[in-house]
N, C-alpha and C. Protein backbone atom coordinates (compact mmCIF):
# COMPACT_ATOMS: atom_id res chain seq x y z
N MET A 1 -66.90 -76.47 302.54
CA MET A 1 -67.28 -77.99 301.92
C MET A 1 -66.58 -78.20 300.34
N ASP A 2 -65.58 -79.41 300.88
CA ASP A 2 -65.24 -80.00 299.27
C ASP A 2 -65.61 -80.96 298.83
N ASP A 3 -66.16 -81.13 297.98
CA ASP A 3 -66.77 -82.48 297.62
C ASP A 3 -65.92 -83.18 296.30
N GLY A 4 -64.84 -83.00 296.60
CA GLY A 4 -63.85 -83.81 295.59
C GLY A 4 -63.68 -83.14 294.21
N PRO A 5 -62.62 -83.82 293.72
CA PRO A 5 -62.65 -82.93 291.95
C PRO A 5 -64.00 -82.73 291.01
N LEU A 6 -63.88 -82.16 290.38
CA LEU A 6 -65.42 -81.69 289.55
C LEU A 6 -65.11 -82.74 288.32
N PRO A 7 -66.49 -83.16 287.79
CA PRO A 7 -66.21 -84.11 286.65
C PRO A 7 -65.22 -83.61 285.74
N MET A 8 -64.27 -84.44 284.96
CA MET A 8 -63.55 -84.02 283.54
C MET A 8 -63.63 -85.05 282.86
N ARG A 9 -63.91 -84.98 282.01
CA ARG A 9 -63.03 -86.02 280.38
C ARG A 9 -61.89 -86.26 281.07
N PRO A 10 -61.56 -87.63 280.48
CA PRO A 10 -60.12 -88.17 280.36
C PRO A 10 -59.23 -87.08 279.24
N GLN A 11 -60.14 -87.10 278.48
CA GLN A 11 -58.98 -86.63 277.13
C GLN A 11 -58.79 -85.28 277.63
N VAL A 12 -59.11 -84.37 278.71
CA VAL A 12 -58.32 -83.07 279.10
C VAL A 12 -57.12 -83.51 279.15
N VAL A 13 -56.94 -84.00 280.05
CA VAL A 13 -55.89 -84.47 281.17
C VAL A 13 -54.70 -85.21 280.00
N VAL A 14 -55.26 -85.94 278.80
CA VAL A 14 -54.34 -86.14 277.97
C VAL A 14 -53.85 -85.19 277.26
N VAL A 15 -54.75 -84.13 277.19
CA VAL A 15 -54.44 -83.26 276.40
C VAL A 15 -53.24 -82.58 277.25
N ALA A 16 -53.38 -81.87 278.49
CA ALA A 16 -52.44 -81.71 278.93
C ALA A 16 -51.03 -82.15 278.97
N TYR A 17 -50.96 -83.72 279.53
CA TYR A 17 -50.01 -84.28 278.97
C TYR A 17 -49.02 -84.26 277.49
N LEU A 18 -50.02 -83.84 276.47
CA LEU A 18 -49.07 -84.30 275.29
C LEU A 18 -48.95 -82.53 275.26
N LEU A 19 -49.08 -81.81 275.73
CA LEU A 19 -48.91 -80.12 275.71
C LEU A 19 -47.70 -79.85 276.32
N ALA A 20 -47.34 -80.66 277.38
CA ALA A 20 -46.02 -80.78 278.52
C ALA A 20 -45.41 -81.76 277.12
N THR A 21 -45.46 -82.70 276.75
CA THR A 21 -44.35 -83.00 275.78
C THR A 21 -43.76 -82.33 274.91
N LEU A 22 -44.99 -81.28 274.59
CA LEU A 22 -43.98 -80.52 272.93
C LEU A 22 -43.68 -79.73 273.49
N CYS A 23 -43.19 -79.75 274.73
CA CYS A 23 -42.43 -78.86 275.16
C CYS A 23 -40.45 -78.89 274.41
N LEU A 24 -40.63 -80.75 274.14
CA LEU A 24 -39.38 -81.03 273.59
C LEU A 24 -39.17 -80.30 272.26
N LEU A 25 -40.16 -80.17 271.26
CA LEU A 25 -40.15 -79.35 270.48
C LEU A 25 -39.86 -77.82 270.43
N ILE A 26 -40.82 -77.49 271.17
CA ILE A 26 -40.87 -75.78 271.23
C ILE A 26 -40.76 -75.86 272.69
N PRO A 27 -39.49 -75.32 273.37
CA PRO A 27 -39.39 -75.00 274.38
C PRO A 27 -40.71 -73.72 275.01
N LEU A 28 -41.17 -72.67 274.14
CA LEU A 28 -41.36 -71.79 274.63
C LEU A 28 -43.44 -72.33 275.29
N ALA A 29 -43.44 -73.96 275.02
CA ALA A 29 -44.71 -74.55 275.18
C ALA A 29 -45.00 -74.39 276.59
N ILE A 30 -43.65 -74.25 277.16
CA ILE A 30 -43.86 -74.05 278.79
C ILE A 30 -44.79 -73.46 279.21
N VAL A 31 -45.27 -72.33 278.36
CA VAL A 31 -46.63 -71.33 278.66
C VAL A 31 -47.90 -72.00 278.79
N GLY A 32 -47.69 -72.75 277.71
CA GLY A 32 -48.96 -73.92 277.68
C GLY A 32 -49.17 -74.80 279.14
N SER A 33 -48.21 -75.33 278.98
CA SER A 33 -48.23 -76.26 280.02
C SER A 33 -48.45 -76.23 281.16
N THR A 34 -47.72 -74.68 281.37
CA THR A 34 -48.21 -74.23 282.70
C THR A 34 -49.59 -73.97 283.01
N PHE A 35 -50.18 -73.90 282.13
CA PHE A 35 -51.62 -73.02 282.02
C PHE A 35 -52.26 -74.36 282.06
N ALA A 36 -52.15 -74.72 281.53
CA ALA A 36 -53.07 -76.60 281.67
C ALA A 36 -52.85 -77.02 283.13
N GLY A 37 -51.44 -77.04 283.40
CA GLY A 37 -51.46 -77.49 285.08
C GLY A 37 -51.87 -77.01 285.73
N ALA A 38 -52.25 -75.79 285.74
CA ALA A 38 -52.54 -74.78 286.91
C ALA A 38 -54.37 -74.91 286.73
N VAL A 39 -55.20 -75.15 285.33
CA VAL A 39 -56.37 -75.49 285.05
C VAL A 39 -56.95 -76.74 285.95
N LEU A 40 -55.60 -78.04 285.70
CA LEU A 40 -55.90 -79.16 286.03
C LEU A 40 -56.04 -79.04 287.65
N TRP A 41 -55.07 -78.01 288.31
CA TRP A 41 -54.90 -77.67 290.10
C TRP A 41 -56.30 -77.32 290.26
N ARG A 42 -56.86 -76.31 289.59
CA ARG A 42 -57.63 -75.65 290.18
C ARG A 42 -59.21 -76.72 289.90
N GLN A 43 -59.07 -77.59 289.00
CA GLN A 43 -60.25 -78.34 288.82
C GLN A 43 -60.37 -79.40 290.09
N GLY A 44 -59.28 -79.55 290.80
CA GLY A 44 -59.32 -80.24 291.73
C GLY A 44 -58.34 -81.99 291.45
N VAL A 45 -58.06 -81.89 290.29
CA VAL A 45 -57.22 -82.73 289.99
C VAL A 45 -55.38 -82.67 289.93
N ARG A 46 -55.41 -82.13 291.57
CA ARG A 46 -53.50 -81.81 291.56
C ARG A 46 -52.49 -82.64 291.33
N SER A 47 -52.75 -83.50 291.69
CA SER A 47 -51.66 -84.31 291.01
C SER A 47 -51.19 -84.85 289.84
N HIS A 48 -52.12 -84.60 288.93
CA HIS A 48 -52.07 -84.15 287.64
C HIS A 48 -51.48 -83.34 287.19
N GLY A 49 -52.19 -81.80 287.94
CA GLY A 49 -51.65 -80.66 287.32
C GLY A 49 -50.06 -80.46 287.65
N ALA A 50 -50.01 -81.09 288.52
CA ALA A 50 -48.35 -81.03 289.68
C ALA A 50 -47.11 -81.84 288.47
N ALA A 51 -47.56 -82.71 287.68
CA ALA A 51 -46.98 -83.92 287.05
C ALA A 51 -47.18 -82.88 285.72
N VAL A 52 -47.86 -82.35 284.97
CA VAL A 52 -47.90 -81.64 283.44
C VAL A 52 -47.13 -80.46 283.67
N VAL A 53 -47.18 -80.23 285.18
CA VAL A 53 -45.81 -78.69 285.09
C VAL A 53 -44.80 -79.23 284.82
N GLY A 54 -44.54 -80.01 286.02
CA GLY A 54 -43.05 -80.89 286.03
C GLY A 54 -43.01 -81.10 284.84
N LEU A 55 -43.58 -82.59 283.96
CA LEU A 55 -43.06 -82.35 282.86
C LEU A 55 -42.79 -81.80 281.88
N GLY A 56 -43.62 -80.82 281.99
CA GLY A 56 -43.17 -79.42 280.99
C GLY A 56 -41.66 -78.86 281.33
N VAL A 57 -41.56 -78.65 282.27
CA VAL A 57 -40.55 -78.05 282.53
C VAL A 57 -39.12 -79.08 282.39
N ALA A 58 -39.25 -80.21 282.93
CA ALA A 58 -38.19 -81.39 282.43
C ALA A 58 -38.36 -81.17 280.81
N CYS A 59 -39.28 -81.69 280.02
CA CYS A 59 -39.14 -81.33 278.41
C CYS A 59 -38.16 -80.44 278.29
N MET A 60 -38.70 -78.92 278.83
CA MET A 60 -38.22 -77.86 278.17
C MET A 60 -36.57 -78.04 278.59
N VAL A 61 -36.11 -78.35 279.72
CA VAL A 61 -34.62 -78.14 280.03
C VAL A 61 -34.46 -79.28 279.10
N PHE A 62 -34.63 -80.57 278.69
CA PHE A 62 -34.31 -81.41 278.03
C PHE A 62 -34.06 -81.11 276.46
N GLY A 63 -35.07 -80.19 276.15
CA GLY A 63 -35.13 -79.50 274.67
C GLY A 63 -33.66 -79.01 274.41
N ILE A 64 -33.85 -77.89 275.16
CA ILE A 64 -32.86 -76.76 275.57
C ILE A 64 -31.55 -77.39 275.72
N THR A 65 -31.23 -78.36 276.25
CA THR A 65 -30.01 -78.87 276.09
C THR A 65 -30.13 -79.86 274.82
N ALA A 66 -31.02 -80.52 274.52
CA ALA A 66 -30.31 -80.89 272.90
C ALA A 66 -30.32 -80.23 272.05
N LEU A 67 -30.45 -78.80 272.38
CA LEU A 67 -30.79 -78.12 271.03
C LEU A 67 -29.43 -77.50 270.99
N ARG A 68 -28.58 -77.57 272.11
CA ARG A 68 -27.21 -76.94 271.95
C ARG A 68 -25.79 -77.48 271.85
């Protein structure tokens, strides 16, 4: 029986997005944004979890490209 996503403070989602954008400065932050995305995914906020991981990957690629 699925009752939907667990109650979560909006600040948790905001922090996950900020962690993903940190990948622009520190490419290794992809590990943290992947973890944050996985936590959101497991908490039932699947769309935000996938978006955080995708944003982290995109920012990492952009950050590495900009550093070259």
